Amino acid sequence: MRANVARLKAYKPRVVVVKGKKSKKDTTVIPSQLKAKHILPIKKTKPRSSSRLITEDDKKKHAFLTLRHKRAQLKYGPKRAKKAAEKAASESLTKKE
């Protein structure tokens, strides 16, 4: 993402906007189109992590289940907390009576 933003910032000063029609009184020179193969080359970066062997700890983690539980916790967590608080409040009222 940052690399793309940097390329766009480098590209913006090079952009030339040309009017559609040229009038007879207009004496401005129209710039020629750049025909270089790579005007703004994309620099390839190295991958952040290298390959490694899968350990027993990695096998025990179950990434999909962990993500699924976290998503469910984010989605239903506030509702469950509210319901638990209401249940605790109702139980405290029944104990006082």
Protein backbone atom coordinates (compact mmCIF):
# COMPACT_ATOMS: atom_id res chain seq x y z
CA MET A 1 0.00 0.00 0.00
CA ARG A 2 2.76 2.43 0.96
CA ALA A 3 4.67 1.61 -2.20
CA ASN A 4 1.62 2.44 -4.31
CA VAL A 5 1.13 5.74 -2.50
CA ALA A 6 4.78 6.63 -3.10
CA ARG A 7 4.42 5.81 -6.81
CA LEU A 8 1.32 8.02 -7.07
CA LYS A 9 3.11 10.90 -5.36
CA ALA A 10 5.97 10.56 -7.85
CA TYR A 11 3.47 10.36 -10.72
CA LYS A 12 1.43 13.47 -9.88
CA PRO A 13 4.12 16.06 -10.74
CA ARG A 14 4.69 14.38 -14.11
CA VAL A 15 1.04 14.54 -15.19
CA VAL A 16 0.29 17.05 -17.91
CA VAL A 17 -3.34 17.98 -18.60
CA VAL A 18 -3.97 18.87 -22.22
CA LYS A 19 -7.08 20.76 -23.34
CA GLY A 20 -9.40 18.98 -25.76
CA LYS A 21 -9.49 21.51 -28.61
CA LYS A 22 -6.75 23.91 -29.58
CA SER A 23 -7.90 27.36 -30.61
CA LYS A 24 -6.21 29.35 -33.36
CA LYS A 25 -5.04 32.00 -30.90
CA ASP A 26 -3.54 29.47 -28.49
CA THR A 27 0.24 29.24 -28.90
CA THR A 28 1.03 26.83 -26.07
CA VAL A 29 3.21 23.88 -26.93
CA ILE A 30 1.64 20.47 -26.41
CA PRO A 31 4.10 18.15 -24.67
CA SER A 32 4.84 14.83 -26.32
CA GLN A 33 3.80 11.56 -24.74
CA LEU A 34 6.43 9.64 -22.79
CA LYS A 35 7.05 6.33 -24.50
CA ALA A 36 9.53 4.74 -22.14
CA LYS A 37 8.78 1.16 -21.19
CA HIS A 38 8.94 1.77 -17.43
CA ILE A 39 8.13 5.36 -16.57
CA LEU A 40 7.36 4.51 -12.94
CA PRO A 41 8.76 1.04 -12.23
CA ILE A 42 7.29 -1.09 -9.48
CA LYS A 43 9.96 -2.07 -6.99
CA LYS A 44 9.50 -5.62 -5.76
CA THR A 45 10.05 -6.19 -2.08
CA LYS A 46 11.21 -9.35 -0.38
CA PRO A 47 8.63 -11.43 1.47
CA ARG A 48 8.47 -10.68 5.17
CA SER A 49 8.73 -14.26 6.40
CA SER A 50 10.73 -17.16 5.13
CA SER A 51 9.56 -20.75 4.93
CA ARG A 52 9.93 -22.99 7.98
CA LEU A 53 8.89 -26.39 9.21
CA ILE A 54 5.51 -26.83 10.88
CA THR A 55 5.95 -27.55 14.57
CA GLU A 56 3.69 -29.57 16.89
CA ASP A 57 2.59 -26.34 18.53
CA ASP A 58 1.47 -25.02 15.11
CA LYS A 59 -0.51 -28.18 14.49
CA LYS A 60 -2.35 -27.82 17.81
CA LYS A 61 -3.45 -24.22 17.27
CA HIS A 62 -6.34 -24.75 14.78
CA ALA A 63 -6.25 -21.34 13.10
CA PHE A 64 -9.71 -21.54 11.54
CA LEU A 65 -11.42 -22.40 14.83
CA THR A 66 -9.54 -19.66 16.64
CA LEU A 67 -10.60 -17.07 14.07
CA ARG A 68 -14.18 -18.34 14.11
CA HIS A 69 -14.35 -18.05 17.91
CA LYS A 70 -12.88 -14.53 17.82
CA ARG A 71 -15.40 -13.43 15.15
CA ALA A 72 -18.27 -14.87 17.19
CA GLN A 73 -16.96 -13.16 20.31
CA LEU A 74 -16.85 -9.82 18.52
CA LYS A 75 -20.33 -10.28 17.08
CA TYR A 76 -22.17 -11.76 20.05
CA GLY A 77 -19.96 -10.65 22.96
CA PRO A 78 -21.81 -7.40 23.78
CA LYS A 79 -25.20 -9.14 23.57
CA ARG A 80 -24.02 -11.95 25.85
CA ALA A 81 -22.55 -9.47 28.35
CA LYS A 82 -25.78 -7.48 28.42
CA LYS A 83 -27.85 -10.64 28.90
CA ALA A 84 -25.54 -11.81 31.71
CA ALA A 85 -25.79 -8.43 33.42
CA GLU A 86 -29.59 -8.51 33.20
CA LYS A 87 -29.64 -12.05 34.57
CA ALA A 88 -27.33 -11.06 37.45
CA ALA A 89 -29.52 -8.04 38.20
CA SER A 90 -32.70 -10.13 38.20
CA GLU A 91 -31.08 -12.74 40.46
CA SER A 92 -29.94 -10.08 42.90
CA LEU A 93 -33.51 -8.74 43.06
CA THR A 94 -34.93 -12.21 43.72
CA LYS A 95 -32.36 -12.84 46.48
CA LYS A 96 -33.28 -9.57 48.24
CA GLU A 97 -36.94 -10.50 48.38
